Amino acid sequence: GFLAAGVHAGIKKKGALDLGLLVSEKEALIVGMFTINKVKAPPVQISQRRARRGVAIGIIVNSGNANACTGEQGMADAMLLTEKVGHYMDCSAQKILPASTGVIGRPLPMTSILNALPSCQRSFL
């Protein structure tokens, strides 16, 4: 089966849910559809590479910040996020796909997001 959770991580204002985690209880076969734009945000680049393997455990999604046009820091942030989720889920970060949507050109508020991850994991539905 699958487990899902959504929490407020402080990306959006007024307590809106802005961080979601969907995980499979075991490795799942995956397929991805990705933009054909030449400019791809770090989460798209990472997910596209990892989807080629055809298997994953989960996807971590944030809204309110696209983590696009954020340079090397955006890539490092997306990689760190998947590493942390992989640690919490006791799996390789390579089996976690990042996804972001929202404002372009702003760095992710990583401290807020990383602080919200444990409560996200605890609130699985």
PDB file of N, CA and C in Angstrom:
ATOM      1  N   GLY A   1       0.808  -1.182   0.000  1.00  0.00           N
ATOM      2  CA  GLY A   1       0.000   0.000   0.000  1.00  0.00           C
ATOM      3  C   GLY A   1       0.853   1.248   0.000  1.00  0.00           C
ATOM      4  N   PHE A   2       0.174   2.355   0.079  1.00  0.00           N
ATOM      5  CA  PHE A   2       0.819   3.661   0.089  1.00  0.00           C
ATOM      6  C   PHE A   2       0.434   4.412   1.349  1.00  0.00           C
ATOM      7  N   LEU A   3       1.337   5.258   1.809  1.00  0.00           N
ATOM      8  CA  LEU A   3       1.086   6.149   2.930  1.00  0.00           C
ATOM      9  C   LEU A   3       1.242   7.576   2.427  1.00  0.00           C
ATOM     10  N   ALA A   4       0.381   8.477   2.909  1.00  0.00           N
ATOM     11  CA  ALA A   4       0.440   9.875   2.484  1.00  0.00           C
ATOM     12  C   ALA A   4       0.357  10.783   3.692  1.00  0.00           C
ATOM     13  N   ALA A   5       1.015  11.925   3.596  1.00  0.00           N
ATOM     14  CA  ALA A   5       0.968  12.912   4.672  1.00  0.00           C
ATOM     15  C   ALA A   5       1.116  14.299   4.072  1.00  0.00           C
ATOM     16  N   GLY A   6       0.500  15.262   4.709  1.00  0.00           N
ATOM     17  CA  GLY A   6       0.635  16.658   4.321  1.00  0.00           C
ATOM     18  C   GLY A   6       0.700  17.517   5.559  1.00  0.00           C
ATOM     19  N   VAL A   7       1.613  18.485   5.575  1.00  0.00           N
ATOM     20  CA  VAL A   7       1.777  19.361   6.731  1.00  0.00           C
ATOM     21  C   VAL A   7       2.053  20.788   6.267  1.00  0.00           C
ATOM     22  N   HIS A   8       1.968  21.702   7.204  1.00  0.00           N
ATOM     23  CA  HIS A   8       2.377  23.083   6.963  1.00  0.00           C
ATOM     24  C   HIS A   8       3.841  23.196   7.366  1.00  0.00           C
ATOM     25  N   ALA A   9       4.691  23.538   6.409  1.00  0.00           N
ATOM     26  CA  ALA A   9       6.126  23.659   6.670  1.00  0.00           C
ATOM     27  C   ALA A   9       6.588  25.113   6.714  1.00  0.00           C
ATOM     28  N   GLY A  10       5.668  26.050   6.516  1.00  0.00           N
ATOM     29  CA  GLY A  10       6.043  27.452   6.557  1.00  0.00           C
ATOM     30  C   GLY A  10       6.455  28.031   5.217  1.00  0.00           C
ATOM     31  N   ILE A  11       6.221  27.300   4.141  1.00  0.00           N
ATOM     32  CA  ILE A  11       6.524  27.829   2.808  1.00  0.00           C
ATOM     33  C   ILE A  11       5.430  28.810   2.411  1.00  0.00           C
ATOM     34  N   LYS A  12       4.188  28.390   2.605  1.00  0.00           N
ATOM     35  CA  LYS A  12       3.033  29.257   2.371  1.00  0.00           C
ATOM     36  C   LYS A  12       2.618  29.888   3.698  1.00  0.00           C
ATOM     37  N   LYS A  13       1.861  30.941   3.598  1.00  0.00           N
ATOM     38  CA  LYS A  13       1.408  31.631   4.806  1.00  0.00           C
ATOM     39  C   LYS A  13       0.094  31.060   5.313  1.00  0.00           C
ATOM     40  N   LYS A  14      -0.255  31.449   6.494  1.00  0.00           N
ATOM     41  CA  LYS A  14      -1.558  31.156   7.108  1.00  0.00           C
ATOM     42  C   LYS A  14      -1.831  29.669   7.309  1.00  0.00           C
ATOM     43  N   GLY A  15      -0.820  28.899   7.577  1.00  0.00           N
ATOM     44  CA  GLY A  15      -1.027  27.504   7.943  1.00  0.00           C
ATOM     45  C   GLY A  15      -1.434  26.560   6.833  1.00  0.00           C
ATOM     46  N   ALA A  16      -1.352  26.993   5.587  1.00  0.00           N
ATOM     47  CA  ALA A  16      -1.737  26.123   4.465  1.00  0.00           C
ATOM     48  C   ALA A  16      -0.797  24.923   4.371  1.00  0.00           C
ATOM     49  N   LEU A  17      -1.358  23.778   3.987  1.00  0.00           N
ATOM     50  CA  LEU A  17      -0.524  22.603   3.752  1.00  0.00           C
ATOM     51  C   LEU A  17       0.396  22.896   2.568  1.00  0.00           C
ATOM     52  N   ASP A  18       1.694  22.705   2.762  1.00  0.00           N
ATOM     53  CA  ASP A  18       2.642  23.033   1.701  1.00  0.00           C
ATOM     54  C   ASP A  18       3.775  22.013   1.555  1.00  0.00           C
ATOM     55  N   LEU A  19       3.691  20.923   2.301  1.00  0.00           N
ATOM     56  CA  LEU A  19       4.688  19.862   2.187  1.00  0.00           C
ATOM     57  C   LEU A  19       3.969  18.525   2.247  1.00  0.00           C
ATOM     58  N   GLY A  20       4.175  17.709   1.225  1.00  0.00           N
ATOM     59  CA  GLY A  20       3.512  16.410   1.171  1.00  0.00           C
ATOM     60  C   GLY A  20       4.508  15.298   0.920  1.00  0.00           C
ATOM     61  N   LEU A  21       4.188  14.145   1.463  1.00  0.00           N
ATOM     62  CA  LEU A  21       5.029  12.969   1.288  1.00  0.00           C
ATOM     63  C   LEU A  21       4.134  11.793   0.944  1.00  0.00           C
ATOM     64  N   LEU A  22       4.447  11.119  -0.134  1.00  0.00           N
ATOM     65  CA  LEU A  22       3.730   9.912  -0.546  1.00  0.00           C
ATOM     66  C   LEU A  22       4.768   8.808  -0.663  1.00  0.00           C
ATOM     67  N   VAL A  23       4.566   7.724   0.093  1.00  0.00           N
ATOM     68  CA  VAL A  23       5.532   6.626   0.060  1.00  0.00           C
ATOM     69  C   VAL A  23       4.826   5.296  -0.134  1.00  0.00           C
ATOM     70  N   SER A  24       5.527   4.418  -0.782  1.00  0.00           N
ATOM     71  CA  SER A  24       5.049   3.057  -0.970  1.00  0.00           C
ATOM     72  C   SER A  24       5.639   2.199   0.141  1.00  0.00           C
ATOM     73  N   GLU A  25       4.860   1.248   0.617  1.00  0.00           N
ATOM     74  CA  GLU A  25       5.361   0.373   1.669  1.00  0.00           C
ATOM     75  C   GLU A  25       6.447  -0.566   1.150  1.00  0.00           C
ATOM     76  N   LYS A  26       6.547  -0.691  -0.170  1.00  0.00           N
ATOM     77  CA  LYS A  26       7.651  -1.437  -0.779  1.00  0.00           C
ATOM     78  C   LYS A  26       7.999  -0.753  -2.096  1.00  0.00           C
ATOM     79  N   GLU A  27       9.133  -1.092  -2.635  1.00  0.00           N
ATOM     80  CA  GLU A  27       9.577  -0.496  -3.887  1.00  0.00           C
ATOM     81  C   GLU A  27       8.484  -0.610  -4.948  1.00  0.00           C
ATOM     82  N   ALA A  28       8.229   0.503  -5.643  1.00  0.00           N
ATOM     83  CA  ALA A  28       7.155   0.539  -6.639  1.00  0.00           C
ATOM     84  C   ALA A  28       7.719   0.844  -8.026  1.00  0.00           C
ATOM     85  N   LEU A  29       7.086   0.279  -9.034  1.00  0.00           N
ATOM     86  CA  LEU A  29       7.430   0.607 -10.415  1.00  0.00           C
ATOM     87  C   LEU A  29       6.883   1.990 -10.723  1.00  0.00           C
ATOM     88  N   ILE A  30       7.668   2.808 -11.405  1.00  0.00           N
ATOM     89  CA  ILE A  30       7.233   4.175 -11.706  1.00  0.00           C
ATOM     90  C   ILE A  30       7.481   4.514 -13.168  1.00  0.00           C
ATOM     91  N   VAL A  31       6.756   5.523 -13.617  1.00  0.00           N
ATOM     92  CA  VAL A  31       6.926   6.129 -14.928  1.00  0.00           C
ATOM     93  C   VAL A  31       6.776   7.623 -14.707  1.00  0.00           C
ATOM     94  N   GLY A  32       7.515   8.431 -15.420  1.00  0.00           N
ATOM     95  CA  GLY A  32       7.415   9.873 -15.239  1.00  0.00           C
ATOM     96  C   GLY A  32       7.177  10.599 -16.547  1.00  0.00           C
ATOM     97  N   MET A  33       6.430  11.680 -16.476  1.00  0.00           N
ATOM     98  CA  MET A  33       6.233  12.601 -17.603  1.00  0.00           C
ATOM     99  C   MET A  33       6.848  13.925 -17.173  1.00  0.00           C
ATOM    100  N   PHE A  34       7.755  14.447 -17.972  1.00  0.00           N
ATOM    101  CA  PHE A  34       8.487  15.636 -17.585  1.00  0.00           C
ATOM    102  C   PHE A  34       8.426  16.689 -18.681  1.00  0.00           C
ATOM    103  N   THR A  35       8.682  17.925 -18.290  1.00  0.00           N
ATOM    104  CA  THR A  35       8.688  19.040 -19.224  1.00  0.00           C
ATOM    105  C   THR A  35       9.722  18.813 -20.325  1.00  0.00           C
ATOM    106  N   ILE A  36       9.456  19.394 -21.487  1.00  0.00           N
ATOM    107  CA  ILE A  36      10.444  19.358 -22.563  1.00  0.00           C
ATOM    108  C   ILE A  36      11.192  20.693 -22.647  1.00  0.00           C
ATOM    109  N   ASN A  37      10.916  21.589 -21.699  1.00  0.00           N
ATOM    110  CA  ASN A  37      11.634  22.865 -21.660  1.00  0.00           C
ATOM    111  C   ASN A  37      13.130  22.620 -21.512  1.00  0.00           C
ATOM    112  N   LYS A  38      13.927  23.515 -22.085  1.00  0.00           N
ATOM    113  CA  LYS A  38      15.379  23.403 -21.940  1.00  0.00           C
ATOM    114  C   LYS A  38      15.811  23.744 -20.525  1.00  0.00           C
ATOM    115  N   VAL A  39      15.115  24.665 -19.893  1.00  0.00           N
ATOM    116  CA  VAL A  39      15.427  25.044 -18.513  1.00  0.00           C
ATOM    117  C   VAL A  39      14.547  24.211 -17.593  1.00  0.00           C
ATOM    118  N   LYS A  40      15.193  23.389 -16.768  1.00  0.00           N
ATOM    119  CA  LYS A  40      14.468  22.505 -15.852  1.00  0.00           C
ATOM    120  C   LYS A  40      14.940  22.772 -14.436  1.00  0.00           C
ATOM    121  N   ALA A  41      13.999  22.910 -13.533  1.00  0.00           N
ATOM    122  CA  ALA A  41      14.321  23.130 -12.125  1.00  0.00           C
ATOM    123  C   ALA A  41      15.031  21.900 -11.557  1.00  0.00           C
ATOM    124  N   PRO A  42      15.838  22.087 -10.519  1.00  0.00           N
ATOM    125  CA  PRO A  42      16.539  20.953  -9.913  1.00  0.00           C
ATOM    126  C   PRO A  42      15.645  19.758  -9.565  1.00  0.00           C
ATOM    127  N   PRO A  43      14.451  19.950  -8.978  1.00  0.00           N
ATOM    128  CA  PRO A  43      13.632  18.770  -8.691  1.00  0.00           C
ATOM    129  C   PRO A  43      13.247  17.988  -9.956  1.00  0.00           C
ATOM    130  N   VAL A  44      13.039  18.695 -11.048  1.00  0.00           N
ATOM    131  CA  VAL A  44      12.705  18.030 -12.313  1.00  0.00           C
ATOM    132  C   VAL A  44      13.911  17.233 -12.810  1.00  0.00           C
ATOM    133  N   GLN A  45      15.084  17.844 -12.775  1.00  0.00           N
ATOM    134  CA  GLN A  45      16.292  17.157 -13.234  1.00  0.00           C
ATOM    135  C   GLN A  45      16.553  15.887 -12.425  1.00  0.00           C
ATOM    136  N   ILE A  46      16.444  15.994 -11.114  1.00  0.00           N
ATOM    137  CA  ILE A  46      16.698  14.840 -10.238  1.00  0.00           C
ATOM    138  C   ILE A  46      15.659  13.752 -10.478  1.00  0.00           C
ATOM    139  N   SER A  47      14.396  14.136 -10.480  1.00  0.00           N
ATOM    140  CA  SER A  47      13.323  13.147 -10.664  1.00  0.00           C
ATOM    141  C   SER A  47      13.415  12.480 -12.026  1.00  0.00           C
ATOM    142  N   GLN A  48      13.757  13.247 -13.037  1.00  0.00           N
ATOM    143  CA  GLN A  48      13.883  12.692 -14.386  1.00  0.00           C
ATOM    144  C   GLN A  48      14.977  11.619 -14.426  1.00  0.00           C
ATOM    145  N   ARG A  49      16.122  11.920 -13.818  1.00  0.00           N
ATOM    146  CA  ARG A  49      17.220  10.933 -13.779  1.00  0.00           C
ATOM    147  C   ARG A  49      16.811   9.685 -13.001  1.00  0.00           C
ATOM    148  N   ARG A  50      16.198   9.889 -11.843  1.00  0.00           N
ATOM    149  CA  ARG A  50      15.851   8.754 -10.990  1.00  0.00           C
ATOM    150  C   ARG A  50      14.712   7.925 -11.572  1.00  0.00           C
ATOM    151  N   ALA A  51      13.811   8.548 -12.294  1.00  0.00           N
ATOM    152  CA  ALA A  51      12.681   7.817 -12.887  1.00  0.00           C
ATOM    153  C   ALA A  51      13.155   6.850 -13.967  1.00  0.00           C
ATOM    154  N   ARG A  52      14.292   7.128 -14.565  1.00  0.00           N
ATOM    155  CA  ARG A  52      14.828   6.221 -15.596  1.00  0.00           C
ATOM    156  C   ARG A  52      15.095   4.826 -15.041  1.00  0.00           C
ATOM    157  N   ARG A  53      15.324   4.741 -13.737  1.00  0.00           N
ATOM    158  CA  ARG A  53      15.558   3.432 -13.108  1.00  0.00           C
ATOM    159  C   ARG A  53      14.276   2.612 -13.027  1.00  0.00           C
ATOM    160  N   GLY A  54      13.127   3.298 -13.076  1.00  0.00           N
ATOM    161  CA  GLY A  54      11.844   2.605 -13.090  1.00  0.00           C
ATOM    162  C   GLY A  54      11.310   2.158 -11.749  1.00  0.00           C
ATOM    163  N   VAL A  55      12.014   2.488 -10.654  1.00  0.00           N
ATOM    164  CA  VAL A  55      11.527   2.131  -9.316  1.00  0.00           C
ATOM    165  C   VAL A  55      11.748   3.295  -8.359  1.00  0.00           C
ATOM    166  N   ALA A  56      10.870   3.395  -7.374  1.00  0.00           N
ATOM    167  CA  ALA A  56      11.002   4.412  -6.332  1.00  0.00           C
ATOM    168  C   ALA A  56      10.248   3.944  -5.096  1.00  0.00           C
ATOM    169  N   ILE A  57      10.499   4.631  -4.010  1.00  0.00           N
ATOM    170  CA  ILE A  57       9.781   4.385  -2.756  1.00  0.00           C
ATOM    171  C   ILE A  57       8.820   5.542  -2.478  1.00  0.00           C
ATOM    172  N   GLY A  58       9.242   6.773  -2.819  1.00  0.00           N
ATOM    173  CA  GLY A  58       8.387   7.897  -2.469  1.00  0.00           C
ATOM    174  C   GLY A  58       8.667   9.158  -3.252  1.00  0.00           C
ATOM    175  N   ILE A  59       7.796  10.136  -3.011  1.00  0.00           N
ATOM    176  CA  ILE A  59       7.932  11.462  -3.601  1.00  0.00           C
ATOM    177  C   ILE A  59       7.663  12.485  -2.510  1.00  0.00           C
ATOM    178  N   ILE A  60       8.533  13.480  -2.431  1.00  0.00           N
ATOM    179  CA  ILE A  60       8.365  14.586  -1.490  1.00  0.00           C
ATOM    180  C   ILE A  60       8.030  15.824  -2.319  1.00  0.00           C
ATOM    181  N   VAL A  61       6.931  16.460  -1.989  1.00  0.00           N
ATOM    182  CA  VAL A  61       6.401  17.566  -2.787  1.00  0.00           C
ATOM    183  C   VAL A  61       6.223  18.795  -1.912  1.00  0.00           C
ATOM    184  N   ASN A  62       6.663  19.938  -2.427  1.00  0.00           N
ATOM    185  CA  ASN A  62       6.354  21.188  -1.728  1.00  0.00           C
ATOM    186  C   ASN A  62       5.637  22.135  -2.677  1.00  0.00           C
ATOM    187  N   SER A  63       4.786  22.971  -2.108  1.00  0.00           N
ATOM    188  CA  SER A  63       4.112  23.999  -2.903  1.00  0.00           C
ATOM    189  C   SER A  63       4.407  25.356  -2.281  1.00  0.00           C
ATOM    190  N   GLY A  64       4.389  26.374  -3.133  1.00  0.00           N
ATOM    191  CA  GLY A  64       4.685  27.724  -2.680  1.00  0.00           C
ATOM    192  C   GLY A  64       6.057  28.196  -3.124  1.00  0.00           C
ATOM    193  N   ASN A  65       6.909  27.259  -3.559  1.00  0.00           N
ATOM    194  CA  ASN A  65       8.252  27.586  -4.015  1.00  0.00           C
ATOM    195  C   ASN A  65       8.672  26.533  -5.037  1.00  0.00           C
ATOM    196  N   ALA A  66       8.959  26.974  -6.257  1.00  0.00           N
ATOM    197  CA  ALA A  66       9.270  26.043  -7.347  1.00  0.00           C
ATOM    198  C   ALA A  66      10.703  25.522  -7.320  1.00  0.00           C
ATOM    199  N   ASN A  67      11.565  26.109  -6.500  1.00  0.00           N
ATOM    200  CA  ASN A  67      12.991  25.747  -6.500  1.00  0.00           C
ATOM    201  C   ASN A  67      13.508  25.730  -7.939  1.00  0.00           C
ATOM    202  N   ALA A  68      13.116  26.744  -8.700  1.00  0.00           N
ATOM    203  CA  ALA A  68      13.537  26.896 -10.094  1.00  0.00           C
ATOM    204  C   ALA A  68      14.358  28.176 -10.223  1.00  0.00           C
ATOM    205  N   CYS A  69      15.335  28.153 -11.100  1.00  0.00           N
ATOM    206  CA  CYS A  69      16.242  29.292 -11.292  1.00  0.00           C
ATOM    207  C   CYS A  69      16.956  29.627  -9.981  1.00  0.00           C
ATOM    208  N   THR A  70      17.375  28.590  -9.281  1.00  0.00           N
ATOM    209  CA  THR A  70      18.024  28.746  -7.977  1.00  0.00           C
ATOM    210  C   THR A  70      19.471  28.257  -7.992  1.00  0.00           C
ATOM    211  N   GLY A  71      19.966  27.886  -9.157  1.00  0.00           N
ATOM    212  CA  GLY A  71      21.373  27.535  -9.316  1.00  0.00           C
ATOM    213  C   GLY A  71      21.813  26.317  -8.532  1.00  0.00           C
ATOM    214  N   GLU A  72      23.098  26.320  -8.189  1.00  0.00           N
ATOM    215  CA  GLU A  72      23.682  25.183  -7.478  1.00  0.00           C
ATOM    216  C   GLU A  72      23.031  24.959  -6.121  1.00  0.00           C
ATOM    217  N   GLN A  73      22.625  26.061  -5.465  1.00  0.00           N
ATOM    218  CA  GLN A  73      21.984  25.916  -4.155  1.00  0.00           C
ATOM    219  C   GLN A  73      20.665  25.164  -4.282  1.00  0.00           C
ATOM    220  N   GLY A  74      19.915  25.443  -5.319  1.00  0.00           N
ATOM    221  CA  GLY A  74      18.656  24.736  -5.535  1.00  0.00           C
ATOM    222  C   GLY A  74      18.864  23.248  -5.733  1.00  0.00           C
ATOM    223  N   MET A  75      19.913  22.882  -6.465  1.00  0.00           N
ATOM    224  CA  MET A  75      20.230  21.468  -6.666  1.00  0.00           C
ATOM    225  C   MET A  75      20.642  20.833  -5.342  1.00  0.00           C
ATOM    226  N   ALA A  76      21.499  21.520  -4.593  1.00  0.00           N
ATOM    227  CA  ALA A  76      21.951  20.994  -3.302  1.00  0.00           C
ATOM    228  C   ALA A  76      20.775  20.824  -2.344  1.00  0.00           C
ATOM    229  N   ASP A  77      19.851  21.787  -2.348  1.00  0.00           N
ATOM    230  CA  ASP A  77      18.680  21.706  -1.465  1.00  0.00           C
ATOM    231  C   ASP A  77      17.790  20.519  -1.824  1.00  0.00           C
ATOM    232  N   ALA A  78      17.543  20.327  -3.112  1.00  0.00           N
ATOM    233  CA  ALA A  78      16.695  19.210  -3.543  1.00  0.00           C
ATOM    234  C   ALA A  78      17.351  17.871  -3.207  1.00  0.00           C
ATOM    235  N   MET A  79      18.658  17.785  -3.381  1.00  0.00           N
ATOM    236  CA  MET A  79      19.379  16.552  -3.045  1.00  0.00           C
ATOM    237  C   MET A  79      19.328  16.294  -1.541  1.00  0.00           C
ATOM    238  N   LEU A  80      19.552  17.335  -0.742  1.00  0.00           N
ATOM    239  CA  LEU A  80      19.509  17.182   0.714  1.00  0.00           C
ATOM    240  C   LEU A  80      18.128  16.729   1.166  1.00  0.00           C
ATOM    241  N   LEU A  81      17.108  17.296   0.583  1.00  0.00           N
ATOM    242  CA  LEU A  81      15.738  16.924   0.946  1.00  0.00           C
ATOM    243  C   LEU A  81      15.497  15.436   0.694  1.00  0.00           C
ATOM    244  N   THR A  82      15.939  14.932  -0.444  1.00  0.00           N
ATOM    245  CA  THR A  82      15.734  13.504  -0.713  1.00  0.00           C
ATOM    246  C   THR A  82      16.600  12.638   0.199  1.00  0.00           C
ATOM    247  N   GLU A  83      17.774  13.127   0.567  1.00  0.00           N
ATOM    248  CA  GLU A  83      18.616  12.380   1.512  1.00  0.00           C
ATOM    249  C   GLU A  83      17.935  12.265   2.870  1.00  0.00           C
ATOM    250  N   LYS A  84      17.362  13.365   3.339  1.00  0.00           N
ATOM    251  CA  LYS A  84      16.686  13.353   4.642  1.00  0.00           C
ATOM    252  C   LYS A  84      15.461  12.446   4.613  1.00  0.00           C
ATOM    253  N   VAL A  85      14.676  12.521   3.555  1.00  0.00           N
ATOM    254  CA  VAL A  85      13.498  11.650   3.451  1.00  0.00           C
ATOM    255  C   VAL A  85      13.942  10.194   3.375  1.00  0.00           C
ATOM    256  N   GLY A  86      14.973   9.919   2.599  1.00  0.00           N
ATOM    257  CA  GLY A  86      15.500   8.562   2.518  1.00  0.00           C
ATOM    258  C   GLY A  86      15.926   8.049   3.882  1.00  0.00           C
ATOM    259  N   HIS A  87      16.559   8.920   4.657  1.00  0.00           N
ATOM    260  CA  HIS A  87      16.972   8.538   6.014  1.00  0.00           C
ATOM    261  C   HIS A  87      15.756   8.192   6.872  1.00  0.00           C
ATOM    262  N   TYR A  88      14.736   9.059   6.841  1.00  0.00           N
ATOM    263  CA  TYR A  88      13.522   8.811   7.637  1.00  0.00           C
ATOM    264  C   TYR A  88      12.806   7.543   7.190  1.00  0.00           C
ATOM    265  N   MET A  89      12.859   7.256   5.889  1.00  0.00           N
ATOM    266  CA  MET A  89      12.148   6.094   5.349  1.00  0.00           C
ATOM    267  C   MET A  89      13.031   4.849   5.294  1.00  0.00           C
ATOM    268  N   ASP A  90      14.260   4.980   5.750  1.00  0.00           N
ATOM    269  CA  ASP A  90      15.214   3.872   5.770  1.00  0.00           C
ATOM    270  C   ASP A  90      15.411   3.281   4.366  1.00  0.00           C
ATOM    271  N   CYS A  91      15.646   4.181   3.410  1.00  0.00           N
ATOM    272  CA  CYS A  91      15.915   3.750   2.038  1.00  0.00           C
ATOM    273  C   CYS A  91      16.919   4.710   1.411  1.00  0.00           C
ATOM    274  N   SER A  92      17.415   4.358   0.273  1.00  0.00           N
ATOM    275  CA  SER A  92      18.348   5.205  -0.456  1.00  0.00           C
ATOM    276  C   SER A  92      17.649   6.470  -0.954  1.00  0.00           C
ATOM    277  N   ALA A  93      18.360   7.582  -0.886  1.00  0.00           N
ATOM    278  CA  ALA A  93      17.832   8.834  -1.440  1.00  0.00           C
ATOM    279  C   ALA A  93      17.531   8.686  -2.924  1.00  0.00           C
ATOM    280  N   GLN A  94      18.196   7.762  -3.597  1.00  0.00           N
ATOM    281  CA  GLN A  94      17.983   7.531  -5.023  1.00  0.00           C
ATOM    282  C   GLN A  94      16.574   7.028  -5.322  1.00  0.00           C
ATOM    283  N   LYS A  95      15.868   6.572  -4.297  1.00  0.00           N
ATOM    284  CA  LYS A  95      14.506   6.057  -4.479  1.00  0.00           C
ATOM    285  C   LYS A  95      13.442   7.065  -4.049  1.00  0.00           C
ATOM    286  N   ILE A  96      13.876   8.310  -3.797  1.00  0.00           N
ATOM    287  CA  ILE A  96      12.957   9.392  -3.438  1.00  0.00           C
ATOM    288  C   ILE A  96      13.004  10.437  -4.546  1.00  0.00           C
ATOM    289  N   LEU A  97      11.834  10.853  -5.024  1.00  0.00           N
ATOM    290  CA  LEU A  97      11.744  11.867  -6.073  1.00  0.00           C
ATOM    291  C   LEU A  97      11.299  13.188  -5.460  1.00  0.00           C
ATOM    292  N   PRO A  98      11.987  14.293  -5.759  1.00  0.00           N
ATOM    293  CA  PRO A  98      11.543  15.599  -5.291  1.00  0.00           C
ATOM    294  C   PRO A  98      10.646  16.278  -6.331  1.00  0.00           C
ATOM    295  N   ALA A  99       9.699  17.063  -5.864  1.00  0.00           N
ATOM    296  CA  ALA A  99       8.845  17.860  -6.755  1.00  0.00           C
ATOM    297  C   ALA A  99       8.523  19.171  -6.051  1.00  0.00           C
ATOM    298  N   SER A 100       8.546  20.257  -6.789  1.00  0.00           N
ATOM    299  CA  SER A 100       8.272  21.577  -6.220  1.00  0.00           C
ATOM    300  C   SER A 100       7.436  22.386  -7.197  1.00  0.00           C
ATOM    301  N   THR A 101       6.547  23.198  -6.651  1.00  0.00           N
ATOM    302  CA  THR A 101       5.752  24.100  -7.477  1.00  0.00           C
ATOM    303  C   THR A 101       5.540  25.399  -6.716  1.00  0.00           C
ATOM    304  N   GLY A 102       5.507  26.496  -7.441  1.00  0.00           N
ATOM    305  CA  GLY A 102       5.277  27.778  -6.784  1.00  0.00           C
ATOM    306  C   GLY A 102       6.125  28.881  -7.382  1.00  0.00           C
ATOM    307  N   VAL A 103       6.526  29.808  -6.529  1.00  0.00           N
ATOM    308  CA  VAL A 103       7.285  30.986  -6.930  1.00  0.00           C
ATOM    309  C   VAL A 103       8.649  30.567  -7.475  1.00  0.00           C
ATOM    310  N   ILE A 104       9.048  31.191  -8.560  1.00  0.00           N
ATOM    311  CA  ILE A 104      10.330  30.905  -9.215  1.00  0.00           C
ATOM    312  C   ILE A 104      11.388  31.894  -8.732  1.00  0.00           C
ATOM    313  N   GLY A 105      12.621  31.401  -8.571  1.00  0.00           N
ATOM    314  CA  GLY A 105      13.750  32.280  -8.288  1.00  0.00           C
ATOM    315  C   GLY A 105      14.076  32.494  -6.829  1.00  0.00           C
ATOM    316  N   ARG A 106      13.352  31.874  -5.947  1.00  0.00           N
ATOM    317  CA  ARG A 106      13.638  32.001  -4.512  1.00  0.00           C
ATOM    318  C   ARG A 106      14.172  30.680  -3.979  1.00  0.00           C
ATOM    319  N   PRO A 107      15.180  30.743  -3.099  1.00  0.00           N
ATOM    320  CA  PRO A 107      15.665  29.497  -2.507  1.00  0.00           C
ATOM    321  C   PRO A 107      14.602  28.876  -1.602  1.00  0.00           C
ATOM    322  N   LEU A 108      14.632  27.567  -1.503  1.00  0.00           N
ATOM    323  CA  LEU A 108      13.721  26.879  -0.584  1.00  0.00           C
ATOM    324  C   LEU A 108      14.049  27.268   0.855  1.00  0.00           C
ATOM    325  N   PRO A 109      13.044  27.432   1.703  1.00  0.00           N
ATOM    326  CA  PRO A 109      13.296  27.679   3.128  1.00  0.00           C
ATOM    327  C   PRO A 109      13.635  26.348   3.813  1.00  0.00           C
ATOM    328  N   MET A 110      14.860  25.899   3.610  1.00  0.00           N
ATOM    329  CA  MET A 110      15.243  24.546   4.015  1.00  0.00           C
ATOM    330  C   MET A 110      15.111  24.285   5.506  1.00  0.00           C
ATOM    331  N   THR A 111      15.422  25.255   6.332  1.00  0.00           N
ATOM    332  CA  THR A 111      15.299  25.027   7.775  1.00  0.00           C
ATOM    333  C   THR A 111      13.867  24.682   8.128  1.00  0.00           C
ATOM    334  N   SER A 112      12.918  25.434   7.607  1.00  0.00           N
ATOM    335  CA  SER A 112      11.496  25.172   7.876  1.00  0.00           C
ATOM    336  C   SER A 112      11.073  23.813   7.332  1.00  0.00           C
ATOM    337  N   ILE A 113      11.513  23.499   6.128  1.00  0.00           N
ATOM    338  CA  ILE A 113      11.132  22.227   5.506  1.00  0.00           C
ATOM    339  C   ILE A 113      11.711  21.052   6.284  1.00  0.00           C
ATOM    340  N   LEU A 114      12.997  21.127   6.602  1.00  0.00           N
ATOM    341  CA  LEU A 114      13.632  20.027   7.329  1.00  0.00           C
ATOM    342  C   LEU A 114      13.031  19.855   8.721  1.00  0.00           C
ATOM    343  N   ASN A 115      12.657  20.958   9.353  1.00  0.00           N
ATOM    344  CA  ASN A 115      12.009  20.867  10.668  1.00  0.00           C
ATOM    345  C   ASN A 115      10.630  20.233  10.577  1.00  0.00           C
ATOM    346  N   ALA A 116       9.974  20.352   9.430  1.00  0.00           N
ATOM    347  CA  ALA A 116       8.621  19.799   9.258  1.00  0.00           C
ATOM    348  C   ALA A 116       8.626  18.323   8.863  1.00  0.00           C
ATOM    349  N   LEU A 117       9.747  17.819   8.381  1.00  0.00           N
ATOM    350  CA  LEU A 117       9.785  16.425   7.913  1.00  0.00           C
ATOM    351  C   LEU A 117       9.383  15.402   8.972  1.00  0.00           C
ATOM    352  N   PRO A 118       9.874  15.499  10.211  1.00  0.00           N
ATOM    353  CA  PRO A 118       9.453  14.499  11.203  1.00  0.00           C
ATOM    354  C   PRO A 118       7.943  14.494  11.438  1.00  0.00           C
ATOM    355  N   SER A 119       7.320  15.675  11.492  1.00  0.00           N
ATOM    356  CA  SER A 119       5.863  15.700  11.703  1.00  0.00           C
ATOM    357  C   SER A 119       5.134  15.181  10.475  1.00  0.00           C
ATOM    358  N   CYS A 120       5.722  15.356   9.308  1.00  0.00           N
ATOM    359  CA  CYS A 120       5.128  14.809   8.084  1.00  0.00           C
ATOM    360  C   CYS A 120       5.122  13.285   8.165  1.00  0.00           C
ATOM    361  N   GLN A 121       6.233  12.727   8.570  1.00  0.00           N
ATOM    362  CA  GLN A 121       6.323  11.267   8.678  1.00  0.00           C
ATOM    363  C   GLN A 121       5.364  10.736   9.752  1.00  0.00           C
ATOM    364  N   ARG A 122       5.240  11.457  10.856  1.00  0.00           N
ATOM    365  CA  ARG A 122       4.353  11.007  11.946  1.00  0.00           C
ATOM    366  C   ARG A 122       2.882  11.090  11.577  1.00  0.00           C
ATOM    367  N   SER A 123       2.545  11.899  10.583  1.00  0.00           N
ATOM    368  CA  SER A 123       1.126  12.111  10.272  1.00  0.00           C
ATOM    369  C   SER A 123       0.640  11.303   9.075  1.00  0.00           C
ATOM    370  N   PHE A 124       1.328  10.227   8.739  1.00  0.00           N
ATOM    371  CA  PHE A 124       0.877   9.395   7.621  1.00  0.00           C
ATOM    372  C   PHE A 124      -0.569   8.974   7.806  1.00  0.00           C
ATOM    373  N   LEU A 125      -1.329   9.020   6.700  1.00  0.00           N
ATOM    374  CA  LEU A 125      -2.739   8.613   6.709  1.00  0.00           C
ATOM    375  C   LEU A 125      -2.855   7.158   6.329  1.00  0.00           C
TER     376      LEU A 125
END
